Protein backbone atom coordinates (compact mmCIF):
# COMPACT_ATOMS: atom_id res chain seq x y z
CA MET A 1 119.96 80.89 56.13
CA THR A 2 117.91 79.05 58.71
CA ARG A 3 119.21 78.69 62.30
CA SER A 4 119.14 75.17 63.75
CA ASP A 5 116.82 74.48 66.64
CA ALA A 6 119.84 73.62 68.65
CA GLY A 7 121.17 77.12 68.10
CA ILE A 8 117.97 78.84 69.14
CA GLU A 9 117.85 76.61 72.33
CA ASN A 10 121.41 77.67 73.21
CA GLU A 11 120.49 81.30 72.90
CA ARG A 12 117.54 80.85 75.14
CA GLU A 13 119.63 79.10 77.78
CA SER A 14 122.35 81.81 77.77
CA ALA A 15 119.86 84.70 78.08
CA SER A 16 119.67 86.22 81.57
CA PRO A 17 116.31 85.64 83.22
CA VAL A 18 114.22 88.64 84.26
CA LEU A 19 114.68 89.05 87.93
CA GLY A 20 111.60 89.57 90.20
CA LYS A 21 111.17 92.49 92.67
CA ASP A 22 112.54 92.09 96.14
CA GLY A 23 113.73 88.55 95.55
CA ASP A 24 116.91 88.54 97.69
CA LEU A 25 116.86 86.19 100.54
CA PRO A 26 116.99 88.81 103.46
CA THR A 27 114.06 90.66 101.95
CA VAL A 28 112.04 87.58 101.46
CA LEU A 29 112.52 86.23 104.95
CA ILE A 30 112.12 89.64 106.70
CA ASP A 31 109.10 90.81 104.66
CA GLN A 32 107.35 87.57 105.25
CA ILE A 33 107.47 87.69 109.09
CA GLU A 34 107.09 91.60 109.33
CA PHE A 35 103.98 91.41 107.25
CA GLN A 36 102.46 88.63 109.29
CA VAL A 37 103.39 90.11 112.72
CA ARG A 38 102.97 93.84 112.05
CA GLU A 39 99.91 93.81 109.70
CA CYS A 40 98.05 90.56 110.63
CA LEU A 41 98.89 89.04 114.06
CA ARG A 42 100.09 91.78 116.40
CA PRO A 43 96.86 93.90 115.82
CA ARG A 44 94.79 90.77 116.78
CA LEU A 45 96.31 91.06 120.24
CA GLU A 46 95.26 94.67 120.88
CA GLY A 47 92.93 94.91 123.95
CA LEU A 48 94.04 91.47 125.39
CA THR A 49 92.67 91.20 128.93
CA ASP A 50 94.00 89.40 131.93
CA GLU A 51 90.92 87.11 131.82
CA GLU A 52 91.85 86.08 128.30
CA TYR A 53 95.49 85.75 129.04
CA PHE A 54 94.74 83.08 131.65
CA PHE A 55 91.68 81.60 130.01
CA ASP A 56 91.57 77.76 130.25
CA PRO A 57 89.03 76.26 127.86
CA THR A 58 89.37 72.71 129.09
CA ALA A 59 86.55 71.22 130.94
CA GLY A 60 88.62 70.20 133.97
CA GLY A 61 90.97 73.17 134.11
CA THR A 62 93.87 71.17 133.10
CA ALA A 63 95.57 73.45 130.59
CA TRP A 64 99.30 74.28 131.22
CA THR A 65 99.63 77.97 132.10
CA VAL A 66 101.66 80.66 133.91
CA HIS A 67 100.47 81.11 137.50
CA PRO A 68 101.69 82.35 140.97
CA ARG A 69 104.38 80.25 142.49
CA THR A 70 102.98 77.28 144.43
CA PRO A 71 103.51 77.89 148.17
CA ALA A 72 105.98 75.78 150.02
CA GLY A 73 104.41 72.51 151.19
CA GLN A 74 101.81 72.39 148.40
CA THR A 75 102.11 70.27 145.18
CA PRO A 76 102.50 72.26 141.97
CA PRO A 77 100.33 71.27 138.98
CA THR A 78 103.42 69.88 137.01
CA SER A 79 106.73 68.37 138.10
CA VAL A 80 108.75 71.16 136.46
CA GLN A 81 108.01 74.78 137.32
CA GLY A 82 110.02 77.28 135.26
CA GLY A 83 110.61 80.88 136.36
CA SER A 84 112.62 83.00 138.69
CA GLY A 85 109.95 85.55 139.90
CA ASP A 86 106.56 85.31 141.43
CA MET A 87 105.04 83.60 138.42
CA THR A 88 105.92 80.08 137.14
CA ILE A 89 105.26 78.19 133.95
CA ASP A 90 104.17 74.45 133.69
CA PHE A 91 106.33 71.82 132.13
CA GLU A 92 106.96 68.11 132.19
CA PHE A 93 109.82 66.15 130.81
CA PRO A 94 109.16 64.15 128.85
CA GLU A 95 106.03 65.96 127.57
CA PRO A 96 102.92 63.85 128.03
CA GLN A 97 101.17 62.47 125.02
CA PRO A 98 98.80 63.87 123.91
CA ALA A 99 100.37 67.24 124.77
CA PRO A 100 98.18 69.29 127.07
CA LEU A 101 96.33 72.31 125.92
CA THR A 102 98.11 75.66 126.89
CA THR A 103 96.81 79.01 127.74
CA ILE A 104 97.58 82.33 125.98
CA ALA A 105 99.88 83.08 129.01
CA TRP A 106 101.84 79.79 128.42
CA ARG A 107 102.09 80.25 124.70
CA PHE A 108 103.41 83.92 125.22
CA GLY A 109 105.99 82.40 127.63
CA HIS A 110 107.05 79.92 124.93
CA ILE A 111 107.29 82.60 122.23
CA ILE A 112 109.03 85.22 124.37
CA VAL A 113 111.62 82.91 125.91
CA GLY A 114 112.11 79.85 123.80
CA VAL A 115 111.46 81.20 120.32
CA LEU A 116 112.90 84.73 120.69
CA GLY A 117 114.84 85.54 123.70
CA ALA A 118 117.04 82.44 123.83
CA ARG A 119 117.82 82.93 120.10
CA SER A 120 118.65 86.55 120.44
CA HIS A 121 120.99 85.80 123.29
CA SER A 122 122.77 82.94 121.31
CA HIS A 123 123.08 84.79 117.96
CA PHE A 124 123.09 88.57 118.70
CA GLY A 125 124.44 88.87 122.25
CA GLY A 126 121.08 89.77 123.88
CA PRO A 127 120.38 89.17 127.51
CA ALA A 128 120.32 85.68 128.76
CA ALA A 129 116.95 83.97 128.49
CA ASP A 130 115.85 80.49 129.42
CA TYR A 131 112.67 78.88 130.71
CA MET A 132 113.94 78.41 134.25
CA SER A 133 115.33 81.84 134.91
CA TRP A 134 112.76 83.96 133.04
CA ASN A 135 110.53 86.49 135.02
CA TYR A 136 107.15 85.56 133.59
CA ALA A 137 104.58 88.16 132.98
CA ALA A 138 101.68 88.33 135.50
CA THR A 139 99.37 90.45 133.29
CA ALA A 140 98.46 90.52 129.53
CA GLN A 141 99.86 93.96 129.03
CA GLU A 142 103.23 92.91 130.69
CA ALA A 143 103.31 89.87 128.28
CA LEU A 144 102.65 92.04 125.29
CA ALA A 145 105.42 94.47 126.36
CA GLN A 146 107.76 91.51 126.67
CA PHE A 147 106.84 90.14 123.29
CA ASP A 148 107.26 93.48 121.57
CA ALA A 149 110.74 93.89 123.10
CA GLU A 150 111.95 90.50 122.24
CA TYR A 151 110.46 90.64 118.74
CA ASP A 152 112.16 93.86 118.03
CA ARG A 153 115.45 92.47 119.35
CA TRP A 154 115.26 89.45 117.17
CA ILE A 155 114.23 91.17 113.89
CA THR A 156 116.86 93.89 114.40
CA GLY A 157 119.52 91.08 114.62
CA VAL A 158 118.12 89.39 111.56
CA ARG A 159 118.25 92.67 109.63
CA SER A 160 121.95 92.89 110.41
CA TRP A 161 122.66 89.56 108.40
CA SER A 162 123.48 90.03 104.77
CA ALA A 163 122.58 87.40 102.10
CA GLU A 164 126.11 85.96 102.62
CA ASP A 165 125.73 85.98 106.47
CA LEU A 166 122.48 83.95 106.09
CA GLN A 167 124.36 81.04 104.50
CA VAL A 168 126.73 80.74 107.51
CA ALA A 169 125.97 77.62 109.72
CA VAL A 170 124.30 78.46 113.00
CA GLY A 171 126.81 76.35 115.00
CA GLU A 172 126.42 74.82 118.43
CA ALA A 173 124.05 77.55 119.67
CA GLU A 174 121.22 75.50 118.11
CA GLY A 175 122.43 72.20 119.45
CA PRO A 176 124.57 69.51 117.75
CA TYR A 177 121.72 68.21 115.62
CA TYR A 178 121.14 71.56 114.05
CA ALA A 179 124.70 73.11 114.08
CA GLU A 180 125.37 72.44 110.34
CA TYR A 181 122.17 74.23 109.24
CA SER A 182 122.26 77.83 107.80
CA ARG A 183 121.13 80.92 109.49
CA ALA A 184 118.53 81.22 106.67
CA THR A 185 117.00 77.91 107.85
CA LEU A 186 116.86 79.20 111.44
CA VAL A 187 115.11 82.39 110.44
CA ALA A 188 112.59 80.51 108.36
CA HIS A 189 112.05 78.24 111.38
CA ILE A 190 111.51 81.22 113.78
CA ASN A 191 109.01 82.68 111.13
CA ARG A 192 106.95 79.51 111.20
CA GLU A 193 107.07 79.38 115.02
CA LEU A 194 105.87 82.98 115.34
CA ILE A 195 103.12 82.59 112.71
CA HIS A 196 101.51 79.44 114.03
CA HIS A 197 101.75 80.21 117.79
CA LEU A 198 100.45 83.83 117.36
CA ALA A 199 97.61 82.27 115.24
CA GLU A 200 96.90 79.90 118.08
CA ILE A 201 96.66 82.85 120.48
CA ALA A 202 94.28 84.59 118.10
CA LEU A 203 92.07 81.46 118.06
CA LEU A 204 92.00 81.33 121.93
CA ARG A 205 90.79 84.89 121.87
CA ASP A 206 88.00 83.86 119.59
CA LEU A 207 87.18 80.99 121.90
CA TRP A 208 87.01 83.45 124.80
CA THR A 209 84.72 85.74 122.86
CA HIS A 210 82.32 82.88 121.85
CA ARG A 211 82.53 80.75 125.07
CA GLY A 212 79.15 79.41 126.25
């Protein structure tokens, strides 16, 4: 007796697919960023000097950066100066177009505070972190220490979310336009932010090495 083509097709559809290794959502998201940060990008930052940290490759020295607070009576380089300590970070609202080039110091400030610290505070109960109240690093090694601490805080929190937890909406912590999106979407966004900003920092190190 010959089975019909329809019967064979039904058997194929009902057969369970072969599952790949480490395909669950938490593993995929965490392994992606851990490999990029621990194996590729963080090693590229070893030996970062203060000269590189503040390096401005623009011809007119116009890059936004982190710098000592402007003395009273003098005009700061931008209208918005974030920071609560001796160092401040440059901002303008709205951001000019085209956006200015930024130094390694500025990019670290963005990663440490805006990408990691503020999110750890909102989602995992970490210390409060925002651009205006942060104590920005005055040296490369201080910035690396801040980055390591905030990255560890964030990834530890992400590890605490199960596959089901990752489907929960992020809520108002990410603002009204993003409240309905899942935690998995947020984690994927932070992964992208870390990968591309750390790669930018690595490129600025290359420019420093090959400067004329």
